[in-house]
Amino acid sequence: MDGLTKTVAFRVEPGQWVNFERVAAANGVETAELLRELVAHSDSIFRAIKT
């Protein structure tokens, strides 16, 4: 592989994922919860762009 972690929808650099986990821990939330929030905000941004 090319040094990136593959997911179904996108690829994440391992170092960036570690930073994401640190942000979640610093805010007292689970990584999955923070990821859900990110996806929800991204979805609403894309919907706004389409309209």
N, C-alpha and C. Protein backbone atom coordinates (compact mmCIF):
# COMPACT_ATOMS: atom_id res chain seq x y z
N MET A 1 0.85 -1.17 0.00
CA MET A 1 0.00 0.00 0.00
C MET A 1 0.89 1.24 0.00
N ASP A 2 0.32 2.41 -0.20
CA ASP A 2 1.08 3.64 -0.37
C ASP A 2 1.25 4.44 0.92
N GLY A 3 1.16 3.82 2.08
CA GLY A 3 1.34 4.53 3.34
C GLY A 3 0.07 5.16 3.88
N LEU A 4 -1.05 4.95 3.21
CA LEU A 4 -2.31 5.50 3.66
C LEU A 4 -3.23 4.38 4.10
N THR A 5 -4.06 4.66 5.08
CA THR A 5 -5.06 3.70 5.54
C THR A 5 -6.28 3.85 4.64
N LYS A 6 -6.72 2.77 4.02
CA LYS A 6 -7.88 2.85 3.13
C LYS A 6 -9.16 2.59 3.91
N THR A 7 -10.17 3.37 3.60
CA THR A 7 -11.50 3.15 4.13
C THR A 7 -12.43 2.98 2.94
N VAL A 8 -13.69 2.78 3.20
CA VAL A 8 -14.64 2.60 2.11
C VAL A 8 -14.77 3.89 1.29
N ALA A 9 -14.82 5.03 1.95
CA ALA A 9 -15.11 6.28 1.25
C ALA A 9 -13.89 7.15 0.98
N PHE A 10 -12.86 7.03 1.77
CA PHE A 10 -11.71 7.90 1.60
C PHE A 10 -10.48 7.29 2.24
N ARG A 11 -9.33 7.90 1.98
CA ARG A 11 -8.08 7.42 2.56
C ARG A 11 -7.60 8.45 3.58
N VAL A 12 -7.01 7.96 4.65
CA VAL A 12 -6.55 8.83 5.72
C VAL A 12 -5.08 8.52 6.01
N GLU A 13 -4.27 9.56 6.06
CA GLU A 13 -2.88 9.37 6.43
C GLU A 13 -2.84 8.97 7.90
N PRO A 14 -2.04 7.96 8.25
CA PRO A 14 -2.01 7.48 9.63
C PRO A 14 -1.72 8.59 10.65
N GLY A 15 -0.80 9.48 10.35
CA GLY A 15 -0.49 10.57 11.28
C GLY A 15 -1.66 11.51 11.51
N GLN A 16 -2.44 11.74 10.46
CA GLN A 16 -3.61 12.60 10.60
C GLN A 16 -4.69 11.91 11.44
N TRP A 17 -4.81 10.60 11.31
CA TRP A 17 -5.79 9.87 12.11
C TRP A 17 -5.43 9.94 13.59
N VAL A 18 -4.14 9.85 13.89
CA VAL A 18 -3.69 9.96 15.28
C VAL A 18 -4.07 11.34 15.82
N ASN A 19 -3.89 12.38 15.03
CA ASN A 19 -4.28 13.73 15.46
C ASN A 19 -5.78 13.80 15.71
N PHE A 20 -6.56 13.17 14.85
CA PHE A 20 -8.01 13.15 15.00
C PHE A 20 -8.39 12.47 16.32
N GLU A 21 -7.72 11.35 16.62
CA GLU A 21 -7.98 10.64 17.88
C GLU A 21 -7.61 11.51 19.08
N ARG A 22 -6.53 12.26 18.98
CA ARG A 22 -6.12 13.15 20.07
C ARG A 22 -7.15 14.25 20.30
N VAL A 23 -7.67 14.81 19.23
CA VAL A 23 -8.69 15.85 19.35
C VAL A 23 -9.93 15.29 20.04
N ALA A 24 -10.33 14.09 19.64
CA ALA A 24 -11.50 13.46 20.27
C ALA A 24 -11.26 13.27 21.76
N ALA A 25 -10.11 12.73 22.12
CA ALA A 25 -9.79 12.50 23.53
C ALA A 25 -9.74 13.81 24.31
N ALA A 26 -9.16 14.84 23.72
CA ALA A 26 -9.05 16.13 24.39
C ALA A 26 -10.42 16.75 24.64
N ASN A 27 -11.39 16.40 23.80
CA ASN A 27 -12.74 16.94 23.96
C ASN A 27 -13.67 15.99 24.70
N GLY A 28 -13.12 14.88 25.17
CA GLY A 28 -13.89 13.94 25.97
C GLY A 28 -14.95 13.17 25.19
N VAL A 29 -14.71 12.95 23.90
CA VAL A 29 -15.67 12.19 23.10
C VAL A 29 -14.96 11.01 22.44
N GLU A 30 -15.74 10.04 22.03
CA GLU A 30 -15.19 8.91 21.30
C GLU A 30 -14.85 9.35 19.88
N THR A 31 -13.87 8.69 19.29
CA THR A 31 -13.47 9.00 17.92
C THR A 31 -14.65 8.86 16.97
N ALA A 32 -15.46 7.83 17.15
CA ALA A 32 -16.62 7.61 16.27
C ALA A 32 -17.61 8.76 16.37
N GLU A 33 -17.80 9.29 17.58
CA GLU A 33 -18.73 10.41 17.76
C GLU A 33 -18.23 11.66 17.03
N LEU A 34 -16.94 11.94 17.16
CA LEU A 34 -16.36 13.08 16.47
C LEU A 34 -16.45 12.89 14.95
N LEU A 35 -16.22 11.68 14.49
CA LEU A 35 -16.31 11.40 13.06
C LEU A 35 -17.74 11.58 12.56
N ARG A 36 -18.73 11.14 13.34
CA ARG A 36 -20.13 11.34 12.95
C ARG A 36 -20.45 12.83 12.82
N GLU A 37 -19.95 13.64 13.75
CA GLU A 37 -20.16 15.09 13.69
C GLU A 37 -19.53 15.67 12.43
N LEU A 38 -18.31 15.24 12.13
CA LEU A 38 -17.62 15.73 10.94
C LEU A 38 -18.40 15.39 9.68
N VAL A 39 -18.88 14.15 9.60
CA VAL A 39 -19.64 13.71 8.43
C VAL A 39 -20.94 14.50 8.32
N ALA A 40 -21.62 14.72 9.44
CA ALA A 40 -22.87 15.48 9.42
C ALA A 40 -22.64 16.90 8.91
N HIS A 41 -21.59 17.53 9.38
CA HIS A 41 -21.29 18.89 8.92
C HIS A 41 -20.90 18.90 7.45
N SER A 42 -20.13 17.92 7.04
CA SER A 42 -19.74 17.83 5.62
C SER A 42 -20.96 17.62 4.74
N ASP A 43 -21.87 16.76 5.17
CA ASP A 43 -23.09 16.52 4.40
C ASP A 43 -23.90 17.80 4.24
N SER A 44 -24.05 18.56 5.32
CA SER A 44 -24.84 19.79 5.23
C SER A 44 -24.16 20.82 4.34
N ILE A 45 -22.84 20.86 4.36
CA ILE A 45 -22.11 21.78 3.48
C ILE A 45 -22.33 21.40 2.02
N PHE A 46 -22.21 20.10 1.71
CA PHE A 46 -22.41 19.66 0.32
C PHE A 46 -23.84 19.90 -0.14
N ARG A 47 -24.81 19.72 0.74
CA ARG A 47 -26.20 20.00 0.37
C ARG A 47 -26.38 21.48 0.07
N ALA A 48 -25.78 22.34 0.87
CA ALA A 48 -25.88 23.78 0.65
C ALA A 48 -25.24 24.18 -0.68
N ILE A 49 -24.13 23.55 -1.01
CA ILE A 49 -23.45 23.85 -2.27
C ILE A 49 -24.31 23.44 -3.46
N LYS A 50 -25.02 22.32 -3.34
CA LYS A 50 -25.84 21.82 -4.45
C LYS A 50 -27.05 22.71 -4.72
N THR A 51 -27.52 23.44 -3.71
CA THR A 51 -28.74 24.25 -3.90
C THR A 51 -28.44 25.64 -4.37
